[in-house]
């Protein structure tokens, strides 16, 4: 009988802890609209990341273009790196 009460007590305490943790994790985060917009602008959604990866696999030049955009934003773009083309470079190759 005492073993049953101890087991029941452990289960009740464990259930209360799980319930408390779930309530703690499900509480809403209070943020201002500015914080929300900033975090939304900084983060890439999983859907966008998946589409970007698929597009990079299908169209490698689009992947290079996205990398160039990232480098331009960071300020680390090197215009004279090997294989870099400018806007008018295609016309010179055709002639």
PDB file of N, CA and C in Angstrom:
ATOM      1  N   UNK A   1       0.829  -1.189   0.000  1.00  0.00           N
ATOM      2  CA  UNK A   1       0.000   0.000   0.000  1.00  0.00           C
ATOM      3  C   UNK A   1       0.872   1.251   0.000  1.00  0.00           C
ATOM      4  N   UNK A   2       1.951   1.253   0.800  1.00  0.00           N
ATOM      5  CA  UNK A   2       2.816   2.432   0.866  1.00  0.00           C
ATOM      6  C   UNK A   2       3.562   2.607  -0.455  1.00  0.00           C
ATOM      7  N   UNK A   3       3.939   1.507  -1.073  1.00  0.00           N
ATOM      8  CA  UNK A   3       4.630   1.598  -2.365  1.00  0.00           C
ATOM      9  C   UNK A   3       3.732   2.207  -3.428  1.00  0.00           C
ATOM     10  N   UNK A   4       2.432   1.872  -3.350  1.00  0.00           N
ATOM     11  CA  UNK A   4       1.485   2.440  -4.305  1.00  0.00           C
ATOM     12  C   UNK A   4       1.343   3.948  -4.102  1.00  0.00           C
ATOM     13  N   UNK A   5       1.329   4.387  -2.831  1.00  0.00           N
ATOM     14  CA  UNK A   5       1.211   5.825  -2.545  1.00  0.00           C
ATOM     15  C   UNK A   5       2.458   6.581  -2.998  1.00  0.00           C
ATOM     16  N   UNK A   6       3.613   5.977  -2.824  1.00  0.00           N
ATOM     17  CA  UNK A   6       4.855   6.619  -3.268  1.00  0.00           C
ATOM     18  C   UNK A   6       4.866   6.727  -4.799  1.00  0.00           C
ATOM     19  N   UNK A   7       4.488   5.668  -5.464  1.00  0.00           N
ATOM     20  CA  UNK A   7       4.425   5.686  -6.929  1.00  0.00           C
ATOM     21  C   UNK A   7       3.429   6.704  -7.437  1.00  0.00           C
ATOM     22  N   UNK A   8       2.264   6.764  -6.805  1.00  0.00           N
ATOM     23  CA  UNK A   8       1.237   7.732  -7.184  1.00  0.00           C
ATOM     24  C   UNK A   8       1.728   9.154  -6.947  1.00  0.00           C
ATOM     25  N   UNK A   9       2.422   9.386  -5.839  1.00  0.00           N
ATOM     26  CA  UNK A   9       2.957  10.714  -5.527  1.00  0.00           C
ATOM     27  C   UNK A   9       4.003  11.129  -6.566  1.00  0.00           C
ATOM     28  N   UNK A  10       4.858  10.189  -6.938  1.00  0.00           N
ATOM     29  CA  UNK A  10       5.877  10.491  -7.953  1.00  0.00           C
ATOM     30  C   UNK A  10       5.214  10.848  -9.279  1.00  0.00           C
ATOM     31  N   UNK A  11       4.187  10.108  -9.661  1.00  0.00           N
ATOM     32  CA  UNK A  11       3.483  10.400 -10.912  1.00  0.00           C
ATOM     33  C   UNK A  11       2.788  11.761 -10.872  1.00  0.00           C
ATOM     34  N   UNK A  12       2.178  12.089  -9.755  1.00  0.00           N
ATOM     35  CA  UNK A  12       1.490  13.379  -9.619  1.00  0.00           C
ATOM     36  C   UNK A  12       2.498  14.529  -9.678  1.00  0.00           C
ATOM     37  N   UNK A  13       3.623  14.371  -8.975  1.00  0.00           N
ATOM     38  CA  UNK A  13       4.658  15.409  -8.995  1.00  0.00           C
ATOM     39  C   UNK A  13       5.232  15.550 -10.407  1.00  0.00           C
ATOM     40  N   UNK A  14       5.499  14.422 -11.062  1.00  0.00           N
ATOM     41  CA  UNK A  14       6.014  14.456 -12.426  1.00  0.00           C
ATOM     42  C   UNK A  14       5.018  15.134 -13.371  1.00  0.00           C
ATOM     43  N   UNK A  15       3.744  14.820 -13.228  1.00  0.00           N
ATOM     44  CA  UNK A  15       2.710  15.460 -14.048  1.00  0.00           C
ATOM     45  C   UNK A  15       2.646  16.959 -13.795  1.00  0.00           C
ATOM     46  N   UNK A  16       2.772  17.371 -12.520  1.00  0.00           N
ATOM     47  CA  UNK A  16       2.741  18.799 -12.194  1.00  0.00           C
ATOM     48  C   UNK A  16       3.947  19.524 -12.793  1.00  0.00           C
ATOM     49  N   UNK A  17       5.111  18.889 -12.767  1.00  0.00           N
ATOM     50  CA  UNK A  17       6.320  19.498 -13.350  1.00  0.00           C
ATOM     51  C   UNK A  17       6.163  19.638 -14.861  1.00  0.00           C
ATOM     52  N   UNK A  18       5.682  18.598 -15.516  1.00  0.00           N
ATOM     53  CA  UNK A  18       5.473  18.655 -16.966  1.00  0.00           C
ATOM     54  C   UNK A  18       4.456  19.737 -17.309  1.00  0.00           C
ATOM     55  N   UNK A  19       3.376  19.805 -16.572  1.00  0.00           N
ATOM     56  CA  UNK A  19       2.352  20.826 -16.789  1.00  0.00           C
ATOM     57  C   UNK A  19       2.938  22.224 -16.597  1.00  0.00           C
ATOM     58  N   UNK A  20       3.723  22.418 -15.561  1.00  0.00           N
ATOM     59  CA  UNK A  20       4.335  23.720 -15.307  1.00  0.00           C
ATOM     60  C   UNK A  20       5.315  24.109 -16.410  1.00  0.00           C
ATOM     61  N   UNK A  21       6.108  23.159 -16.885  1.00  0.00           N
ATOM     62  CA  UNK A  21       7.039  23.447 -17.972  1.00  0.00           C
ATOM     63  C   UNK A  21       6.313  23.799 -19.263  1.00  0.00           C
ATOM     64  N   UNK A  22       5.244  23.088 -19.560  1.00  0.00           N
ATOM     65  CA  UNK A  22       4.469  23.399 -20.759  1.00  0.00           C
ATOM     66  C   UNK A  22       3.832  24.778 -20.674  1.00  0.00           C
ATOM     67  N   UNK A  23       3.350  25.142 -19.501  1.00  0.00           N
ATOM     68  CA  UNK A  23       2.782  26.497 -19.336  1.00  0.00           C
ATOM     69  C   UNK A  23       3.862  27.557 -19.491  1.00  0.00           C
ATOM     70  N   UNK A  24       5.054  27.277 -18.966  1.00  0.00           N
ATOM     71  CA  UNK A  24       6.160  28.221 -19.078  1.00  0.00           C
ATOM     72  C   UNK A  24       6.578  28.405 -20.544  1.00  0.00           C
ATOM     73  N   UNK A  25       6.650  27.316 -21.285  1.00  0.00           N
ATOM     74  CA  UNK A  25       7.064  27.383 -22.676  1.00  0.00           C
ATOM     75  C   UNK A  25       6.005  27.993 -23.588  1.00  0.00           C
ATOM     76  N   UNK A  26       4.746  27.901 -23.213  1.00  0.00           N
ATOM     77  CA  UNK A  26       3.677  28.390 -24.080  1.00  0.00           C
ATOM     78  C   UNK A  26       3.264  29.827 -23.799  1.00  0.00           C
ATOM     79  N   UNK A  27       3.908  30.476 -22.852  1.00  0.00           N
ATOM     80  CA  UNK A  27       3.525  31.863 -22.562  1.00  0.00           C
ATOM     81  C   UNK A  27       3.958  32.770 -23.714  1.00  0.00           C
ATOM     82  N   UNK A  28       3.174  33.803 -23.998  1.00  0.00           N
ATOM     83  CA  UNK A  28       3.518  34.691 -25.117  1.00  0.00           C
ATOM     84  C   UNK A  28       4.709  35.582 -24.775  1.00  0.00           C
ATOM     85  N   UNK A  29       5.502  35.884 -25.781  1.00  0.00           N
ATOM     86  CA  UNK A  29       6.651  36.771 -25.623  1.00  0.00           C
ATOM     87  C   UNK A  29       6.185  38.188 -25.927  1.00  0.00           C
ATOM     88  N   UNK A  30       6.439  39.100 -25.014  1.00  0.00           N
ATOM     89  CA  UNK A  30       6.027  40.478 -25.200  1.00  0.00           C
ATOM     90  C   UNK A  30       7.144  41.217 -25.935  1.00  0.00           C
ATOM     91  N   UNK A  31       6.827  41.673 -27.164  1.00  0.00           N
ATOM     92  CA  UNK A  31       7.793  42.413 -27.966  1.00  0.00           C
ATOM     93  C   UNK A  31       7.103  43.610 -28.585  1.00  0.00           C
ATOM     94  N   UNK A  32       7.883  44.643 -28.828  1.00  0.00           N
ATOM     95  CA  UNK A  32       7.331  45.803 -29.508  1.00  0.00           C
ATOM     96  C   UNK A  32       7.248  45.500 -30.996  1.00  0.00           C
ATOM     97  N   UNK A  33       6.520  46.329 -31.717  1.00  0.00           N
ATOM     98  CA  UNK A  33       6.374  46.105 -33.147  1.00  0.00           C
ATOM     99  C   UNK A  33       7.715  46.282 -33.863  1.00  0.00           C
ATOM    100  N   UNK A  34       8.528  47.197 -33.370  1.00  0.00           N
ATOM    101  CA  UNK A  34       9.851  47.409 -33.972  1.00  0.00           C
ATOM    102  C   UNK A  34      10.729  46.172 -33.816  1.00  0.00           C
ATOM    103  N   UNK A  35      10.708  45.548 -32.632  1.00  0.00           N
ATOM    104  CA  UNK A  35      11.490  44.331 -32.418  1.00  0.00           C
ATOM    105  C   UNK A  35      10.992  43.206 -33.326  1.00  0.00           C
ATOM    106  N   UNK A  36       9.671  43.118 -33.491  1.00  0.00           N
ATOM    107  CA  UNK A  36       9.097  42.079 -34.348  1.00  0.00           C
ATOM    108  C   UNK A  36       9.529  42.279 -35.799  1.00  0.00           C
ATOM    109  N   UNK A  37       9.444  43.500 -36.297  1.00  0.00           N
ATOM    110  CA  UNK A  37       9.834  43.768 -37.682  1.00  0.00           C
ATOM    111  C   UNK A  37      11.317  43.508 -37.897  1.00  0.00           C
ATOM    112  N   UNK A  38      12.142  43.915 -36.942  1.00  0.00           N
ATOM    113  CA  UNK A  38      13.586  43.718 -37.078  1.00  0.00           C
ATOM    114  C   UNK A  38      13.920  42.228 -37.120  1.00  0.00           C
ATOM    115  N   UNK A  39      13.317  41.441 -36.240  1.00  0.00           N
ATOM    116  CA  UNK A  39      13.608  40.004 -36.238  1.00  0.00           C
ATOM    117  C   UNK A  39      13.056  39.328 -37.487  1.00  0.00           C
ATOM    118  N   UNK A  40      11.913  39.809 -37.996  1.00  0.00           N
ATOM    119  CA  UNK A  40      11.359  39.236 -39.220  1.00  0.00           C
ATOM    120  C   UNK A  40      12.241  39.568 -40.420  1.00  0.00           C
ATOM    121  N   UNK A  41      12.826  40.754 -40.443  1.00  0.00           N
ATOM    122  CA  UNK A  41      13.713  41.127 -41.535  1.00  0.00           C
ATOM    123  C   UNK A  41      15.029  40.365 -41.480  1.00  0.00           C
ATOM    124  N   UNK A  42      15.529  40.078 -40.296  1.00  0.00           N
ATOM    125  CA  UNK A  42      16.819  39.422 -40.144  1.00  0.00           C
ATOM    126  C   UNK A  42      16.760  37.920 -40.392  1.00  0.00           C
ATOM    127  N   UNK A  43      15.676  37.303 -40.038  1.00  0.00           N
ATOM    128  CA  UNK A  43      15.614  35.845 -40.134  1.00  0.00           C
ATOM    129  C   UNK A  43      14.996  35.397 -41.450  1.00  0.00           C
ATOM    130  N   UNK A  44      15.470  34.272 -41.945  1.00  0.00           N
ATOM    131  CA  UNK A  44      14.920  33.662 -43.137  1.00  0.00           C
ATOM    132  C   UNK A  44      14.019  32.519 -42.696  1.00  0.00           C
ATOM    133  N   UNK A  45      12.834  32.487 -43.242  1.00  0.00           N
ATOM    134  CA  UNK A  45      11.922  31.416 -42.861  1.00  0.00           C
ATOM    135  C   UNK A  45      12.407  30.091 -43.450  1.00  0.00           C
ATOM    136  N   UNK A  46      11.928  29.019 -42.879  1.00  0.00           N
ATOM    137  CA  UNK A  46      12.320  27.697 -43.365  1.00  0.00           C
ATOM    138  C   UNK A  46      11.853  27.481 -44.804  1.00  0.00           C
ATOM    139  N   UNK A  47      10.672  27.992 -45.128  1.00  0.00           N
ATOM    140  CA  UNK A  47      10.146  27.844 -46.489  1.00  0.00           C
ATOM    141  C   UNK A  47      11.047  28.573 -47.486  1.00  0.00           C
ATOM    142  N   UNK A  48      11.434  29.803 -47.157  1.00  0.00           N
ATOM    143  CA  UNK A  48      12.295  30.572 -48.055  1.00  0.00           C
ATOM    144  C   UNK A  48      13.664  29.918 -48.187  1.00  0.00           C
ATOM    145  N   UNK A  49      14.183  29.378 -47.090  1.00  0.00           N
ATOM    146  CA  UNK A  49      15.486  28.707 -47.141  1.00  0.00           C
ATOM    147  C   UNK A  49      15.413  27.460 -48.024  1.00  0.00           C
ATOM    148  N   UNK A  50      14.332  26.717 -47.922  1.00  0.00           N
ATOM    149  CA  UNK A  50      14.168  25.523 -48.757  1.00  0.00           C
ATOM    150  C   UNK A  50      14.035  25.862 -50.226  1.00  0.00           C
ATOM    151  N   UNK A  51      13.257  26.908 -50.529  1.00  0.00           N
ATOM    152  CA  UNK A  51      13.092  27.326 -51.919  1.00  0.00           C
ATOM    153  C   UNK A  51      14.413  27.843 -52.465  1.00  0.00           C
ATOM    154  N   UNK A  52      15.155  28.581 -51.650  1.00  0.00           N
ATOM    155  CA  UNK A  52      16.459  29.092 -52.080  1.00  0.00           C
ATOM    156  C   UNK A  52      17.429  27.951 -52.378  1.00  0.00           C
ATOM    157  N   UNK A  53      17.439  26.921 -51.546  1.00  0.00           N
ATOM    158  CA  UNK A  53      18.318  25.769 -51.775  1.00  0.00           C
ATOM    159  C   UNK A  53      17.918  25.019 -53.043  1.00  0.00           C
ATOM    160  N   UNK A  54      16.626  24.847 -53.261  1.00  0.00           N
ATOM    161  CA  UNK A  54      16.152  24.164 -54.460  1.00  0.00           C
ATOM    162  C   UNK A  54      16.500  24.976 -55.701  1.00  0.00           C
ATOM    163  N   UNK A  55      16.301  26.290 -55.622  1.00  0.00           N
ATOM    164  CA  UNK A  55      16.627  27.157 -56.747  1.00  0.00           C
ATOM    165  C   UNK A  55      18.129  27.136 -57.031  1.00  0.00           C
ATOM    166  N   UNK A  56      18.944  27.070 -55.988  1.00  0.00           N
ATOM    167  CA  UNK A  56      20.387  26.990 -56.178  1.00  0.00           C
ATOM    168  C   UNK A  56      20.807  25.698 -56.846  1.00  0.00           C
ATOM    169  N   UNK A  57      20.099  24.616 -56.563  1.00  0.00           N
ATOM    170  CA  UNK A  57      20.419  23.335 -57.188  1.00  0.00           C
ATOM    171  C   UNK A  57      19.997  23.310 -58.655  1.00  0.00           C
ATOM    172  N   UNK A  58      18.861  23.944 -58.942  1.00  0.00           N
ATOM    173  CA  UNK A  58      18.357  23.958 -60.313  1.00  0.00           C
ATOM    174  C   UNK A  58      19.082  24.991 -61.159  1.00  0.00           C
ATOM    175  N   UNK A  59      19.333  26.174 -60.579  1.00  0.00           N
ATOM    176  CA  UNK A  59      19.909  27.283 -61.327  1.00  0.00           C
ATOM    177  C   UNK A  59      21.125  27.829 -60.577  1.00  0.00           C
ATOM    178  N   UNK A  60      22.315  27.335 -60.857  1.00  0.00           N
ATOM    179  CA  UNK A  60      23.506  27.756 -60.122  1.00  0.00           C
ATOM    180  C   UNK A  60      23.811  29.247 -60.237  1.00  0.00           C
ATOM    181  N   UNK A  61      23.453  29.882 -61.356  1.00  0.00           N
ATOM    182  CA  UNK A  61      23.738  31.311 -61.497  1.00  0.00           C
ATOM    183  C   UNK A  61      22.885  32.124 -60.524  1.00  0.00           C
ATOM    184  N   UNK A  62      21.689  31.659 -60.195  1.00  0.00           N
ATOM    185  CA  UNK A  62      20.865  32.346 -59.203  1.00  0.00           C
ATOM    186  C   UNK A  62      21.492  32.232 -57.822  1.00  0.00           C
ATOM    187  N   UNK A  63      22.108  31.097 -57.551  1.00  0.00           N
ATOM    188  CA  UNK A  63      22.797  30.907 -56.275  1.00  0.00           C
ATOM    189  C   UNK A  63      23.982  31.864 -56.159  1.00  0.00           C
ATOM    190  N   UNK A  64      24.740  32.025 -57.247  1.00  0.00           N
ATOM    191  CA  UNK A  64      25.858  32.972 -57.243  1.00  0.00           C
ATOM    192  C   UNK A  64      25.366  34.403 -57.086  1.00  0.00           C
ATOM    193  N   UNK A  65      24.219  34.720 -57.685  1.00  0.00           N
ATOM    194  CA  UNK A  65      23.662  36.067 -57.567  1.00  0.00           C
ATOM    195  C   UNK A  65      23.254  36.358 -56.127  1.00  0.00           C
ATOM    196  N   UNK A  66      22.658  35.373 -55.440  1.00  0.00           N
ATOM    197  CA  UNK A  66      22.281  35.576 -54.037  1.00  0.00           C
ATOM    198  C   UNK A  66      23.519  35.768 -53.166  1.00  0.00           C
ATOM    199  N   UNK A  67      24.570  35.008 -53.448  1.00  0.00           N
ATOM    200  CA  UNK A  67      25.811  35.159 -52.683  1.00  0.00           C
ATOM    201  C   UNK A  67      26.420  36.538 -52.918  1.00  0.00           C
ATOM    202  N   UNK A  68      26.352  37.025 -54.139  1.00  0.00           N
ATOM    203  CA  UNK A  68      26.864  38.366 -54.441  1.00  0.00           C
ATOM    204  C   UNK A  68      26.064  39.430 -53.707  1.00  0.00           C
ATOM    205  N   UNK A  69      24.745  39.267 -53.645  1.00  0.00           N
ATOM    206  CA  UNK A  69      23.907  40.225 -52.903  1.00  0.00           C
ATOM    207  C   UNK A  69      24.293  40.238 -51.425  1.00  0.00           C
ATOM    208  N   UNK A  70      24.534  39.051 -50.868  1.00  0.00           N
ATOM    209  CA  UNK A  70      24.938  38.986 -49.460  1.00  0.00           C
ATOM    210  C   UNK A  70      26.283  39.681 -49.244  1.00  0.00           C
ATOM    211  N   UNK A  71      27.210  39.460 -50.168  1.00  0.00           N
ATOM    212  CA  UNK A  71      28.522  40.100 -50.053  1.00  0.00           C
ATOM    213  C   UNK A  71      28.398  41.614 -50.177  1.00  0.00           C
ATOM    214  N   UNK A  72      27.532  42.082 -51.069  1.00  0.00           N
ATOM    215  CA  UNK A  72      27.330  43.528 -51.208  1.00  0.00           C
ATOM    216  C   UNK A  72      26.769  44.125 -49.922  1.00  0.00           C
ATOM    217  N   UNK A  73      25.821  43.425 -49.302  1.00  0.00           N
ATOM    218  CA  UNK A  73      25.253  43.916 -48.036  1.00  0.00           C
ATOM    219  C   UNK A  73      26.308  43.984 -46.941  1.00  0.00           C
ATOM    220  N   UNK A  74      27.178  42.970 -46.894  1.00  0.00           N
ATOM    221  CA  UNK A  74      28.224  42.940 -45.872  1.00  0.00           C
ATOM    222  C   UNK A  74      29.367  43.881 -46.199  1.00  0.00           C
ATOM    223  N   UNK A  75      29.473  44.284 -47.468  1.00  0.00           N
ATOM    224  CA  UNK A  75      30.559  45.154 -47.886  1.00  0.00           C
ATOM    225  C   UNK A  75      31.841  44.403 -48.181  1.00  0.00           C
ATOM    226  N   UNK A  76      31.738  43.111 -48.465  1.00  0.00           N
ATOM    227  CA  UNK A  76      32.933  42.305 -48.720  1.00  0.00           C
ATOM    228  C   UNK A  76      33.039  41.872 -50.181  1.00  0.00           C
ATOM    229  N   UNK A  77      32.261  42.505 -51.053  1.00  0.00           N
ATOM    230  CA  UNK A  77      32.255  42.108 -52.462  1.00  0.00           C
ATOM    231  C   UNK A  77      33.547  42.548 -53.128  1.00  0.00           C
ATOM    232  N   UNK A  78      34.208  41.627 -53.842  1.00  0.00           N
ATOM    233  CA  UNK A  78      35.444  41.927 -54.561  1.00  0.00           C
ATOM    234  C   UNK A  78      35.147  41.843 -56.051  1.00  0.00           C
ATOM    235  N   UNK A  79      35.103  42.987 -56.701  1.00  0.00           N
ATOM    236  CA  UNK A  79      34.729  43.061 -58.107  1.00  0.00           C
ATOM    237  C   UNK A  79      35.776  42.390 -59.017  1.00  0.00           C
ATOM    238  N   UNK A  80      37.007  42.320 -58.584  1.00  0.00           N
ATOM    239  CA  UNK A  80      38.070  41.795 -59.437  1.00  0.00           C
ATOM    240  C   UNK A  80      38.387  40.329 -59.180  1.00  0.00           C
ATOM    241  N   UNK A  81      37.523  39.645 -58.443  1.00  0.00           N
ATOM    242  CA  UNK A  81      37.808  38.235 -58.200  1.00  0.00           C
ATOM    243  C   UNK A  81      37.676  37.438 -59.499  1.00  0.00           C
ATOM    244  N   UNK A  82      38.273  36.287 -59.514  1.00  0.00           N
ATOM    245  CA  UNK A  82      38.310  35.481 -60.722  1.00  0.00           C
ATOM    246  C   UNK A  82      36.915  35.008 -61.094  1.00  0.00           C
ATOM    247  N   UNK A  83      36.540  35.177 -62.358  1.00  0.00           N
ATOM    248  CA  UNK A  83      35.245  34.705 -62.835  1.00  0.00           C
ATOM    249  C   UNK A  83      34.130  35.710 -62.669  1.00  0.00           C
ATOM    250  N   UNK A  84      34.380  36.877 -62.105  1.00  0.00           N
ATOM    251  CA  UNK A  84      33.332  37.865 -61.930  1.00  0.00           C
ATOM    252  C   UNK A  84      33.076  38.577 -63.246  1.00  0.00           C
ATOM    253  N   UNK A  85      31.809  38.788 -63.575  1.00  0.00           N
ATOM    254  CA  UNK A  85      31.437  39.452 -64.814  1.00  0.00           C
ATOM    255  C   UNK A  85      30.635  40.703 -64.482  1.00  0.00           C
ATOM    256  N   UNK A  86      30.835  41.696 -65.292  1.00  0.00           N
ATOM    257  CA  UNK A  86      30.044  42.917 -65.162  1.00  0.00           C
ATOM    258  C   UNK A  86      28.842  42.849 -66.074  1.00  0.00           C
ATOM    259  N   UNK A  87      28.094  43.933 -66.143  1.00  0.00           N
ATOM    260  CA  UNK A  87      26.881  43.953 -66.969  1.00  0.00           C
ATOM    261  C   UNK A  87      27.237  43.876 -68.449  1.00  0.00           C
ATOM    262  N   UNK A  88      28.255  44.613 -68.909  1.00  0.00           N
ATOM    263  CA  UNK A  88      28.595  44.641 -70.322  1.00  0.00           C
ATOM    264  C   UNK A  88      29.540  43.541 -70.752  1.00  0.00           C
ATOM    265  N   UNK A  89      29.959  42.680 -69.883  1.00  0.00           N
ATOM    266  CA  UNK A  89      30.936  41.650 -70.233  1.00  0.00           C
ATOM    267  C   UNK A  89      30.382  40.604 -71.196  1.00  0.00           C
ATOM    268  N   UNK A  90      29.074  40.371 -71.200  1.00  0.00           N
ATOM    269  CA  UNK A  90      28.483  39.383 -72.076  1.00  0.00           C
ATOM    270  C   UNK A  90      28.605  39.806 -73.530  1.00  0.00           C
ATOM    271  N   UNK A  91      28.469  41.094 -73.830  1.00  0.00           N
ATOM    272  CA  UNK A  91      28.541  41.598 -75.190  1.00  0.00           C
ATOM    273  C   UNK A  91      29.947  41.427 -75.754  1.00  0.00           C
ATOM    274  N   UNK A  92      30.962  41.573 -74.917  1.00  0.00           N
ATOM    275  CA  UNK A  92      32.331  41.423 -75.389  1.00  0.00           C
ATOM    276  C   UNK A  92      32.625  39.988 -75.785  1.00  0.00           C
ATOM    277  N   UNK A  93      32.031  39.032 -75.083  1.00  0.00           N
ATOM    278  CA  UNK A  93      32.250  37.619 -75.417  1.00  0.00           C
ATOM    279  C   UNK A  93      31.578  37.238 -76.735  1.00  0.00           C
ATOM    280  N   UNK A  94      30.418  37.849 -77.040  1.00  0.00           N
ATOM    281  CA  UNK A  94      29.672  37.509 -78.240  1.00  0.00           C
ATOM    282  C   UNK A  94      30.367  38.029 -79.498  1.00  0.00           C
ATOM    283  N   UNK A  95      31.100  39.107 -79.396  1.00  0.00           N
ATOM    284  CA  UNK A  95      31.730  39.716 -80.576  1.00  0.00           C
ATOM    285  C   UNK A  95      32.960  39.018 -81.020  1.00  0.00           C
TER     286      UNK A  95
END
